[in-house]
Amino acid sequence: MDTNVAKTGDEVEQLGVDRRLSGFIGYTMKRALSIVHADFSRTLAEYDLRAVSFSALTIIVGEPGLTQTQLADSLQIERSNLVTIIDELAGRNLILRAPVAQDRRRHALMPTTAGKQLAAAAYDRVAEHERQLFACLSPTECQELQRILRKFRKATMPA
């Protein structure tokens, strides 16, 4: 085999050129996340949503009236970065910003009817995406994977 010829992804996988890295949990998680994220992005494209805007809209629909600070904390992103997401959703008439009665400097985030409908449709499609993507795992394995990931997340979250 000519070593100067670029290898395809399948050839690289078969050769195990990453075998020294594959023993690291973080590396394996990153590889799996790349697969999940690429498929997730394709799934959301039909709704013109990104992962973060889908997450934000889903939370807003489920918790109408939460503040931008609460949403930023929930998504674990900086408030300044959230503004772009909120502007995107508001610009598409999926959410509204309403002043909080006790503190008019703060805004409560409210889903519109269009936002609720889009969130419901996208949520159903994402659920189907997950069923298809993780069909190689049994229901018990899926539950165990969720349990382990939640345990890890809880243990590593800042206090």
Protein backbone atom coordinates (compact mmCIF):
# COMPACT_ATOMS: atom_id res chain seq x y z
CA MET A 1 0.00 0.00 0.00
CA ASP A 2 1.34 3.43 -0.94
CA THR A 3 1.83 5.36 2.32
CA ASN A 4 1.50 8.67 0.47
CA VAL A 5 -2.12 7.97 -0.48
CA ALA A 6 -4.73 9.50 1.81
CA LYS A 7 -6.80 6.93 3.69
CA THR A 8 -10.58 7.01 3.90
CA GLY A 9 -12.32 7.10 7.29
CA ASP A 10 -13.20 3.40 6.96
CA GLU A 11 -9.61 2.49 6.19
CA VAL A 12 -8.37 4.50 9.18
CA GLU A 13 -10.91 2.77 11.44
CA GLN A 14 -9.94 -0.66 10.13
CA LEU A 15 -6.25 0.05 10.64
CA GLY A 16 -6.89 1.20 14.19
CA VAL A 17 -4.51 4.10 13.83
CA ASP A 18 -6.22 5.72 16.81
CA ARG A 19 -5.82 2.61 18.99
CA ARG A 20 -3.56 4.46 21.44
CA LEU A 21 -6.29 7.08 21.94
CA SER A 22 -9.26 4.72 22.01
CA GLY A 23 -8.39 3.66 25.55
CA PHE A 24 -9.32 7.15 26.80
CA ILE A 25 -12.94 7.54 27.83
CA GLY A 26 -12.92 11.20 26.80
CA TYR A 27 -11.68 10.34 23.32
CA THR A 28 -14.35 7.66 22.91
CA MET A 29 -17.03 10.07 24.15
CA LYS A 30 -15.84 12.74 21.71
CA ARG A 31 -15.97 10.30 18.79
CA ALA A 32 -19.48 9.19 19.78
CA LEU A 33 -20.61 12.79 20.29
CA SER A 34 -19.39 13.69 16.80
CA ILE A 35 -21.66 11.01 15.35
CA VAL A 36 -24.63 12.06 17.48
CA HIS A 37 -24.13 15.77 16.80
CA ALA A 38 -23.84 15.36 13.02
CA ASP A 39 -27.06 13.32 12.88
CA PHE A 40 -28.79 15.69 15.33
CA SER A 41 -27.84 18.69 13.17
CA ARG A 42 -29.29 17.01 10.07
CA THR A 43 -32.47 16.24 12.01
CA LEU A 44 -32.90 19.84 13.16
CA ALA A 45 -32.06 21.36 9.77
CA GLU A 46 -35.59 20.72 8.49
CA TYR A 47 -36.83 23.03 11.27
CA ASP A 48 -34.07 25.60 10.70
CA LEU A 49 -32.87 25.06 14.27
CA ARG A 50 -29.44 24.48 15.73
CA ALA A 51 -28.87 22.27 18.77
CA VAL A 52 -28.66 25.24 21.12
CA SER A 53 -31.73 27.00 19.70
CA PHE A 54 -33.71 23.73 19.90
CA SER A 55 -32.61 23.31 23.52
CA ALA A 56 -33.51 26.89 24.39
CA LEU A 57 -36.91 26.70 22.70
CA THR A 58 -37.71 23.36 24.35
CA ILE A 59 -36.86 24.77 27.79
CA ILE A 60 -38.87 27.96 27.19
CA VAL A 61 -41.91 25.96 26.07
CA GLY A 62 -41.60 23.73 29.12
CA GLU A 63 -40.97 26.59 31.55
CA PRO A 64 -42.79 29.65 30.21
CA GLY A 65 -41.87 32.85 32.03
CA LEU A 66 -38.32 31.90 32.98
CA THR A 67 -35.78 34.70 32.73
CA GLN A 68 -32.84 34.94 30.38
CA THR A 69 -30.52 34.39 33.35
CA GLN A 70 -32.35 31.19 34.29
CA LEU A 71 -32.18 29.97 30.70
CA ALA A 72 -28.46 30.76 30.45
CA ASP A 73 -27.84 28.87 33.69
CA SER A 74 -29.88 25.91 32.47
CA LEU A 75 -27.99 25.75 29.17
CA GLN A 76 -24.69 26.48 30.95
CA ILE A 77 -23.80 29.30 28.60
CA GLU A 78 -22.84 32.92 29.17
CA ARG A 79 -25.72 35.37 29.24
CA SER A 80 -24.00 37.44 26.56
CA ASN A 81 -23.97 34.42 24.23
CA LEU A 82 -27.63 33.77 24.96
CA VAL A 83 -28.69 37.11 23.46
CA THR A 84 -27.99 35.86 19.94
CA ILE A 85 -30.10 32.75 20.53
CA ILE A 86 -32.96 34.76 22.04
CA ASP A 87 -32.80 37.25 19.15
CA GLU A 88 -32.94 34.36 16.67
CA LEU A 89 -35.99 32.79 18.31
CA ALA A 90 -37.76 36.12 18.81
CA GLY A 91 -36.98 37.15 15.22
CA ARG A 92 -38.75 34.01 14.00
CA ASN A 93 -41.75 34.80 16.24
CA LEU A 94 -41.15 31.64 18.28
CA ILE A 95 -40.81 33.44 21.62
CA LEU A 96 -41.63 36.79 23.18
CA ARG A 97 -39.72 38.80 25.77
CA ALA A 98 -42.01 40.19 28.47
CA PRO A 99 -40.82 42.52 31.24
CA VAL A 100 -40.90 40.90 34.68
CA ALA A 101 -43.47 42.74 36.84
CA GLN A 102 -41.21 42.98 39.91
CA ASP A 103 -38.11 44.07 37.95
CA ARG A 104 -38.76 45.64 34.56
CA ARG A 105 -35.05 45.38 33.69
CA ARG A 106 -35.44 41.60 33.50
CA HIS A 107 -37.36 39.77 30.80
CA ALA A 108 -39.48 36.65 31.04
CA LEU A 109 -39.37 34.41 28.00
CA MET A 110 -42.70 33.22 26.67
CA PRO A 111 -43.32 30.82 23.78
CA THR A 112 -45.67 31.89 21.01
CA THR A 113 -48.18 29.50 19.47
CA ALA A 114 -45.80 29.08 16.52
CA GLY A 115 -42.97 28.38 18.97
CA LYS A 116 -44.98 25.72 20.77
CA GLN A 117 -45.92 24.05 17.48
CA LEU A 118 -42.36 24.07 16.13
CA ALA A 119 -40.96 22.84 19.44
CA ALA A 120 -43.46 19.95 19.54
CA ALA A 121 -42.71 18.89 15.96
CA ALA A 122 -38.94 19.16 16.42
CA TYR A 123 -39.11 17.35 19.77
CA ASP A 124 -40.97 14.42 18.22
CA ARG A 125 -38.46 14.27 15.37
CA VAL A 126 -35.51 14.39 17.80
CA ALA A 127 -37.07 11.55 19.82
CA GLU A 128 -37.31 9.50 16.61
CA HIS A 129 -33.72 10.45 15.73
CA GLU A 130 -32.59 9.09 19.11
CA ARG A 131 -34.56 5.87 18.71
CA GLN A 132 -32.98 5.25 15.32
CA LEU A 133 -29.46 6.32 16.27
CA PHE A 134 -29.34 4.24 19.43
CA ALA A 135 -31.19 1.22 18.04
CA CYS A 136 -27.93 -0.74 18.38
CA LEU A 137 -28.38 -0.56 22.17
CA SER A 138 -31.01 -2.40 24.15
CA PRO A 139 -33.45 -0.35 26.25
CA THR A 140 -31.53 -1.47 29.34
CA GLU A 141 -28.24 -0.33 27.82
CA CYS A 142 -29.76 3.05 26.92
CA GLN A 143 -30.96 3.48 30.51
CA GLU A 144 -27.54 2.49 31.85
CA LEU A 145 -25.77 4.90 29.50
CA GLN A 146 -28.10 7.70 30.66
CA ARG A 147 -27.46 6.78 34.29
CA ILE A 148 -23.69 6.80 33.87
CA LEU A 149 -23.68 10.09 31.94
CA ARG A 150 -25.94 11.77 34.53
CA LYS A 151 -23.70 10.51 37.33
CA PHE A 152 -20.64 11.91 35.57
CA ARG A 153 -22.36 15.23 34.87
CA LYS A 154 -23.54 15.58 38.46
CA ALA A 155 -20.09 14.77 39.85
CA THR A 156 -18.36 17.31 37.61
CA MET A 157 -20.83 20.21 37.80
CA PRO A 158 -19.53 23.27 39.60
CA ALA A 159 -21.02 23.75 43.05
